[in-house]
Amino acid sequence: MRPLVSLYPLVKNETIKMLRKRRFQVILLIVAALIPIFVYAQMKINENSHKQLGDADWRIRAEKRIADMSNSLNSNIPEDWKVYRKVEIQRLQYSLERNIDPESPNSVTFTSTFIRNSIGLFLPLLVAVAASDIVSSELSTGTIKLLLTRPVRRWKILMSKLITLVLFVSLIVVCTALLAYLISGLAFGYGGWTAPVLTGFQVSGDQLDTSHVQIVEQWRFLLMELGLAWFSCLTVACLSLMISVLVRSTAAGMGIMLAALIAGMILTNMVSSWESAKYLFMINLDTISFLAGSIPPVPGLSLDFSLSVLAVWALASLLVSFGVFTRQDILG
């Protein structure tokens, strides 16, 4: 208990420093500015759908999508697109059999979709921006020396920075979801918390395994998504902490993380035949896709495997961070 108590002033100090940088506030402003754009895009999609099908029941819209995708299978399209369409057809057919609208429009559904689409790049980028200079900025300016002159062990200093990162990662994920819900609710209403959602789909080749499918309420599904998003973002935060310890230049550290995350997004669309890519942390960040049964970027990927890979990367980066920070010559 005493080590935790002794860490409190350090964590408080790191939190104040993080807020003074105003980077967290800027992140919230970015999210608040972008969400209305996506809300408008969703409204236009719904509007176009109504123009084409009128006020048709969702089952009619689903049957039309199935017919359109079935017809496209006979056209000259890439094999990967055919696999996606075959899986999507099976998913829609399963929803029709269970009479569960997979795209019921409301603010909760929008929030869930926004988080799902953000975890591959957007949320990790926000975390990297907030975390990349938590050590390097003090190393480059020399302010870390003032902190090290106090009778505090180095591991406690770095631990306080890690705890602060965990706090702000949690705030970024929660605030993003909250802003998405509040803003989208102005357009779609604030209901939908108890709407049924299908989860547990598993993809094997071009076949959809429904043996593990469960029906859960929308709020439970959203909580599962937020938990997975938090874990993925925490891995990015741990890696950013390591880069910040190893690279004294804030710009270089942030550039490394941004390049890695963007490269991961590009690789996700290119590595279907590169099996070893499944051990890269960037390929495994989109853990939420497994809840909906999306086709993994590399065959054989599963939720358990991705979580394990991310955990190994996070633990390895923490070992390097503490090992280097407690031994490197900072005062010299």
Protein backbone atom coordinates (compact mmCIF):
# COMPACT_ATOMS: atom_id res chain seq x y z
CA MET A 1 0.00 0.00 0.00
CA ARG A 2 2.81 2.45 0.86
CA PRO A 3 4.37 2.31 -2.66
CA LEU A 4 0.97 3.19 -4.13
CA VAL A 5 0.55 6.07 -1.70
CA SER A 6 4.02 7.37 -2.53
CA LEU A 7 3.14 7.24 -6.24
CA TYR A 8 0.07 9.46 -5.84
CA PRO A 9 1.94 12.82 -5.78
CA LEU A 10 3.96 11.75 -8.82
CA VAL A 11 0.85 10.70 -10.74
CA LYS A 12 -0.86 13.95 -9.78
CA ASN A 13 2.15 15.90 -11.04
CA GLU A 14 2.21 13.98 -14.34
CA THR A 15 -1.54 14.52 -14.80
CA ILE A 16 -1.14 18.27 -14.30
CA LYS A 17 1.73 18.33 -16.82
CA MET A 18 -0.36 16.41 -19.34
CA LEU A 19 -3.27 18.82 -18.97
CA ARG A 20 -0.98 21.85 -19.23
CA LYS A 21 0.23 20.65 -22.61
CA ARG A 22 -3.42 20.96 -23.71
CA ARG A 23 -2.90 17.98 -25.97
CA PHE A 24 -5.79 16.08 -24.41
CA GLN A 25 -8.08 19.08 -24.89
CA VAL A 26 -7.01 19.30 -28.54
CA ILE A 27 -7.77 15.60 -28.99
CA LEU A 28 -11.29 16.12 -27.66
CA LEU A 29 -11.78 19.07 -30.01
CA ILE A 30 -10.64 16.96 -32.97
CA VAL A 31 -13.07 14.18 -32.05
CA ALA A 32 -15.92 16.65 -31.48
CA ALA A 33 -15.23 18.28 -34.86
CA LEU A 34 -15.03 15.03 -36.83
CA ILE A 35 -18.05 13.21 -35.41
CA PRO A 36 -20.63 15.58 -36.96
CA ILE A 37 -19.08 14.85 -40.36
CA PHE A 38 -19.62 11.12 -39.89
CA VAL A 39 -23.12 11.72 -38.53
CA TYR A 40 -23.96 13.71 -41.65
CA ALA A 41 -22.50 10.96 -43.84
CA GLN A 42 -24.65 8.37 -42.05
CA MET A 43 -27.72 10.55 -42.51
CA LYS A 44 -27.02 10.80 -46.25
CA ILE A 45 -26.62 7.02 -46.46
CA ASN A 46 -29.97 6.53 -44.71
CA GLU A 47 -31.55 9.17 -46.97
CA ASN A 48 -30.28 7.48 -50.14
CA SER A 49 -31.48 4.12 -48.85
CA HIS A 50 -34.97 5.54 -48.28
CA LYS A 51 -34.96 7.06 -51.76
CA GLN A 52 -34.19 3.70 -53.31
CA LEU A 53 -36.44 1.54 -51.15
CA GLY A 54 -38.85 4.02 -49.60
CA ASP A 55 -39.89 3.18 -46.05
CA ALA A 56 -39.39 -0.50 -46.69
CA ASP A 57 -38.91 -2.88 -43.81
CA TRP A 58 -35.29 -3.73 -42.99
CA ARG A 59 -35.92 -7.29 -44.16
CA ILE A 60 -36.66 -6.02 -47.67
CA ARG A 61 -33.45 -3.97 -47.65
CA ALA A 62 -31.47 -6.99 -46.42
CA GLU A 63 -32.97 -9.24 -49.10
CA LYS A 64 -32.08 -6.67 -51.77
CA ARG A 65 -28.47 -6.54 -50.51
CA ILE A 66 -28.30 -10.34 -50.60
CA ALA A 67 -29.61 -10.36 -54.18
CA ASP A 68 -27.18 -7.66 -55.30
CA MET A 69 -24.16 -9.39 -53.71
CA SER A 70 -25.23 -12.79 -55.06
CA ASN A 71 -25.38 -11.35 -58.58
CA SER A 72 -21.96 -9.74 -58.17
CA LEU A 73 -20.39 -13.14 -57.44
CA ASN A 74 -20.82 -14.03 -61.09
CA SER A 75 -18.97 -10.91 -62.26
CA ASN A 76 -15.24 -10.49 -62.79
CA ILE A 77 -14.22 -9.19 -59.34
CA PRO A 78 -11.17 -10.05 -57.18
CA GLU A 79 -11.38 -13.28 -55.22
CA ASP A 80 -11.04 -11.44 -51.88
CA TRP A 81 -14.15 -9.40 -52.70
CA LYS A 82 -16.05 -12.58 -53.49
CA VAL A 83 -15.08 -14.08 -50.14
CA TYR A 84 -16.27 -10.93 -48.35
CA ARG A 85 -19.59 -11.00 -50.20
CA LYS A 86 -20.15 -14.70 -49.49
CA VAL A 87 -19.58 -14.16 -45.77
CA GLU A 88 -21.78 -11.05 -45.73
CA ILE A 89 -24.58 -12.92 -47.51
CA GLN A 90 -24.47 -15.65 -44.84
CA ARG A 91 -24.48 -13.05 -42.08
CA LEU A 92 -27.55 -11.27 -43.49
CA GLN A 93 -29.35 -14.58 -44.00
CA TYR A 94 -28.69 -15.48 -40.37
CA SER A 95 -30.08 -12.10 -39.26
CA LEU A 96 -33.20 -12.65 -41.38
CA GLU A 97 -33.74 -16.07 -39.85
CA ARG A 98 -33.50 -14.60 -36.34
CA ASN A 99 -35.47 -11.44 -37.30
CA ILE A 100 -32.75 -9.14 -35.90
CA ASP A 101 -31.99 -5.92 -37.76
CA PRO A 102 -28.16 -5.72 -37.88
CA GLU A 103 -28.21 -2.01 -38.77
CA SER A 104 -30.94 -0.54 -36.61
CA PRO A 105 -30.27 3.24 -36.84
CA ASN A 106 -29.88 4.96 -33.45
CA SER A 107 -27.18 6.80 -31.53
CA VAL A 108 -25.99 3.64 -29.76
CA THR A 109 -25.55 1.83 -33.06
CA PHE A 110 -23.72 4.85 -34.48
CA THR A 111 -21.41 4.96 -31.44
CA SER A 112 -20.72 1.25 -31.74
CA THR A 113 -19.94 1.57 -35.45
CA PHE A 114 -17.79 4.65 -34.92
CA ILE A 115 -15.66 2.92 -32.25
CA ARG A 116 -15.37 -0.18 -34.44
CA ASN A 117 -14.14 1.84 -37.42
CA SER A 118 -11.82 3.98 -35.27
CA ILE A 119 -9.83 1.28 -33.52
CA GLY A 120 -7.77 0.35 -36.58
CA LEU A 121 -6.10 3.77 -36.88
CA PHE A 122 -7.95 6.82 -35.52
CA LEU A 123 -8.00 6.01 -31.79
CA PRO A 124 -4.41 4.61 -31.79
CA LEU A 125 -3.24 7.81 -33.51
CA LEU A 126 -4.87 9.92 -30.80
CA VAL A 127 -3.20 7.84 -28.10
CA ALA A 128 0.17 8.05 -29.85
CA VAL A 129 -0.13 11.84 -30.09
CA ALA A 130 -0.88 12.06 -26.36
CA ALA A 131 1.81 9.60 -25.24
CA SER A 132 4.78 9.96 -27.59
CA ASP A 133 6.52 12.77 -25.69
CA ILE A 134 5.72 11.88 -22.11
CA VAL A 135 9.42 11.12 -21.44
CA SER A 136 11.27 12.44 -24.49
CA SER A 137 10.06 16.02 -24.01
CA GLU A 138 11.59 16.09 -20.53
CA LEU A 139 14.76 14.40 -21.74
CA SER A 140 15.23 16.93 -24.54
CA THR A 141 14.56 19.97 -22.35
CA GLY A 142 16.46 18.65 -19.35
CA THR A 143 13.55 19.06 -16.92
CA ILE A 144 13.79 15.35 -16.07
CA LYS A 145 17.04 16.14 -14.21
CA LEU A 146 15.15 18.27 -11.70
CA LEU A 147 12.81 15.37 -10.99
CA LEU A 148 15.68 12.91 -10.60
CA THR A 149 17.38 15.11 -8.01
CA ARG A 150 14.52 14.31 -5.64
CA PRO A 151 14.84 11.23 -3.39
CA VAL A 152 12.56 9.16 -5.64
CA ARG A 153 13.57 5.94 -7.34
CA ARG A 154 13.57 6.00 -11.12
CA TRP A 155 11.14 3.12 -11.51
CA LYS A 156 8.56 5.10 -9.52
CA ILE A 157 8.96 8.08 -11.83
CA LEU A 158 8.36 5.95 -14.90
CA MET A 159 5.55 4.04 -13.17
CA SER A 160 3.78 7.34 -12.45
CA LYS A 161 4.03 8.22 -16.14
CA LEU A 162 2.61 4.81 -17.08
CA ILE A 163 -0.31 5.18 -14.65
CA THR A 164 -0.99 8.63 -16.09
CA LEU A 165 -1.02 7.16 -19.59
CA VAL A 166 -3.49 4.46 -18.52
CA LEU A 167 -5.72 7.20 -17.10
CA PHE A 168 -5.64 9.29 -20.28
CA VAL A 169 -6.07 6.27 -22.56
CA SER A 170 -9.22 5.46 -20.60
CA LEU A 171 -10.41 9.06 -20.88
CA ILE A 172 -9.78 9.18 -24.64
CA VAL A 173 -11.77 5.99 -25.27
CA VAL A 174 -14.64 6.93 -22.94
CA CYS A 175 -14.85 10.56 -24.09
CA THR A 176 -14.81 9.51 -27.76
CA ALA A 177 -17.73 7.14 -27.16
CA LEU A 178 -19.60 9.74 -25.09
CA LEU A 179 -19.17 12.47 -27.71
CA ALA A 180 -20.25 10.07 -30.47
CA TYR A 181 -23.39 9.18 -28.52
CA LEU A 182 -24.31 12.74 -27.55
CA ILE A 183 -23.73 14.26 -30.99
CA SER A 184 -25.30 11.45 -33.03
CA GLY A 185 -28.29 11.42 -30.69
CA LEU A 186 -29.28 14.84 -32.01
CA ALA A 187 -29.87 13.20 -35.39
CA PHE A 188 -30.85 9.61 -34.55
CA GLY A 189 -32.34 9.88 -31.06
CA TYR A 190 -30.92 8.51 -27.83
CA GLY A 191 -32.67 5.14 -27.76
CA GLY A 192 -31.48 1.68 -28.75
CA TRP A 193 -29.74 0.57 -25.56
CA THR A 194 -31.69 -2.69 -25.32
CA ALA A 195 -31.80 -3.49 -29.04
CA PRO A 196 -30.63 -7.07 -29.77
CA VAL A 197 -27.24 -7.57 -31.43
CA LEU A 198 -25.76 -10.72 -32.93
CA THR A 199 -22.18 -11.48 -31.95
CA GLY A 200 -19.89 -14.50 -32.00
CA PHE A 201 -19.63 -15.05 -35.75
CA GLN A 202 -16.44 -16.81 -36.83
CA VAL A 203 -15.07 -16.90 -40.36
CA SER A 204 -13.34 -19.94 -41.80
CA GLY A 205 -12.33 -19.44 -45.41
CA ASP A 206 -15.49 -18.26 -47.15
CA GLN A 207 -17.79 -19.96 -44.64
CA LEU A 208 -19.45 -18.29 -41.66
CA ASP A 209 -19.48 -20.36 -38.46
CA THR A 210 -22.61 -19.51 -36.45
CA SER A 211 -22.24 -22.18 -33.77
CA HIS A 212 -21.02 -19.62 -31.21
CA VAL A 213 -23.40 -16.79 -32.08
CA GLN A 214 -25.15 -15.11 -29.16
CA ILE A 215 -27.82 -12.44 -28.92
CA VAL A 216 -26.81 -9.64 -26.54
CA GLU A 217 -28.27 -6.25 -25.77
CA GLN A 218 -26.74 -3.27 -27.54
CA TRP A 219 -25.31 -1.76 -24.34
CA ARG A 220 -23.47 -5.00 -23.53
CA PHE A 221 -22.07 -5.16 -27.04
CA LEU A 222 -20.91 -1.55 -26.79
CA LEU A 223 -19.17 -2.26 -23.47
CA MET A 224 -17.37 -5.22 -25.06
CA GLU A 225 -16.24 -2.99 -27.92
CA LEU A 226 -14.99 -0.30 -25.53
CA GLY A 227 -13.07 -2.89 -23.50
CA LEU A 228 -11.32 -4.22 -26.59
CA ALA A 229 -10.65 -0.70 -27.87
CA TRP A 230 -9.16 0.23 -24.50
CA PHE A 231 -6.83 -2.79 -24.56
CA SER A 232 -5.63 -2.04 -28.10
CA CYS A 233 -5.05 1.62 -27.23
CA LEU A 234 -3.21 0.65 -24.05
CA THR A 235 -0.80 -1.44 -26.13
CA VAL A 236 -0.14 1.60 -28.33
CA ALA A 237 0.43 3.69 -25.18
CA CYS A 238 2.99 1.20 -23.84
CA LEU A 239 4.84 1.19 -27.17
CA SER A 240 4.74 4.99 -27.27
CA LEU A 241 6.20 5.08 -23.77
CA MET A 242 9.07 2.84 -24.90
CA ILE A 243 9.78 4.99 -27.95
CA SER A 244 9.68 8.09 -25.75
CA VAL A 245 12.31 6.55 -23.47
CA LEU A 246 14.56 5.39 -26.31
CA VAL A 247 14.31 8.49 -28.54
CA ARG A 248 15.02 11.87 -27.00
CA SER A 249 13.51 13.79 -29.90
CA THR A 250 9.78 14.29 -29.46
CA ALA A 251 9.24 14.77 -33.21
CA ALA A 252 11.21 11.60 -34.05
CA GLY A 253 9.35 9.55 -31.43
CA MET A 254 5.96 10.71 -32.63
CA GLY A 255 6.99 10.15 -36.24
CA ILE A 256 8.00 6.56 -35.51
CA MET A 257 4.64 5.75 -33.91
CA LEU A 258 2.61 7.49 -36.60
CA ALA A 259 4.58 5.73 -39.34
CA ALA A 260 4.10 2.34 -37.65
CA LEU A 261 0.35 2.82 -37.25
CA ILE A 262 -0.21 4.09 -40.79
CA ALA A 263 1.98 1.30 -42.19
CA GLY A 264 -0.14 -1.17 -40.23
CA MET A 265 -3.32 0.16 -41.82
CA ILE A 266 -1.77 -0.24 -45.28
CA LEU A 267 -0.44 -3.71 -44.49
CA THR A 268 -3.85 -4.85 -43.23
CA ASN A 269 -5.12 -4.61 -46.81
CA MET A 270 -2.06 -6.33 -48.31
CA VAL A 271 -0.87 -9.15 -46.03
CA SER A 272 -3.47 -11.86 -46.61
CA SER A 273 -0.74 -14.14 -47.99
CA TRP A 274 1.99 -13.11 -45.52
CA GLU A 275 1.29 -15.36 -42.55
CA SER A 276 4.12 -14.03 -40.37
CA ALA A 277 2.50 -10.59 -40.41
CA LYS A 278 0.05 -11.80 -37.77
CA TYR A 279 2.77 -11.27 -35.16
CA LEU A 280 2.94 -7.53 -35.85
CA PHE A 281 1.07 -5.46 -33.27
CA MET A 282 -0.45 -3.18 -35.96
CA ILE A 283 -2.21 -6.10 -37.65
CA ASN A 284 -3.86 -7.10 -34.36
CA LEU A 285 -5.16 -3.72 -33.19
CA ASP A 286 -8.61 -4.19 -34.72
CA THR A 287 -9.79 -6.62 -32.05
CA ILE A 288 -13.38 -5.38 -32.30
CA SER A 289 -13.79 -6.87 -35.78
CA PHE A 290 -13.85 -10.34 -34.22
CA LEU A 291 -17.06 -9.50 -32.33
CA ALA A 292 -18.87 -8.97 -35.63
CA GLY A 293 -17.14 -11.89 -37.34
CA SER A 294 -15.31 -9.84 -39.95
CA ILE A 295 -12.80 -11.55 -42.22
CA PRO A 296 -9.35 -11.30 -40.56
CA PRO A 297 -6.55 -9.66 -42.59
CA VAL A 298 -4.42 -12.80 -42.15
CA PRO A 299 -6.04 -16.25 -42.25
CA GLY A 300 -6.04 -17.95 -38.87
CA LEU A 301 -6.25 -14.82 -36.75
CA SER A 302 -8.61 -15.02 -33.78
CA LEU A 303 -9.57 -12.75 -30.90
CA ASP A 304 -7.57 -14.78 -28.37
CA PHE A 305 -4.50 -14.77 -30.62
CA SER A 306 -4.68 -11.01 -31.25
CA LEU A 307 -5.11 -10.24 -27.56
CA SER A 308 -2.12 -12.46 -26.75
CA VAL A 309 0.06 -10.78 -29.38
CA LEU A 310 -0.88 -7.32 -28.12
CA ALA A 311 -0.20 -8.37 -24.52
CA VAL A 312 3.28 -9.67 -25.46
CA TRP A 313 4.10 -6.43 -27.30
CA ALA A 314 2.87 -4.34 -24.36
CA LEU A 315 4.81 -6.33 -21.75
CA ALA A 316 7.97 -6.38 -23.88
CA SER A 317 7.82 -2.62 -24.39
CA LEU A 318 7.36 -2.06 -20.64
CA LEU A 319 10.35 -4.28 -19.85
CA VAL A 320 12.49 -2.31 -22.29
CA SER A 321 11.17 1.02 -20.98
CA PHE A 322 11.90 0.29 -17.32
CA GLY A 323 15.18 -1.46 -18.11
CA VAL A 324 16.53 1.47 -20.12
CA PHE A 325 15.09 4.29 -18.01
CA THR A 326 16.48 2.94 -14.73
CA ARG A 327 19.97 2.47 -16.16
CA GLN A 328 20.59 5.17 -18.76
CA ASP A 329 22.79 8.16 -18.01
CA ILE A 330 20.28 11.02 -17.83
CA LEU A 331 22.14 13.33 -15.49
CA GLY A 332 25.32 13.27 -17.55
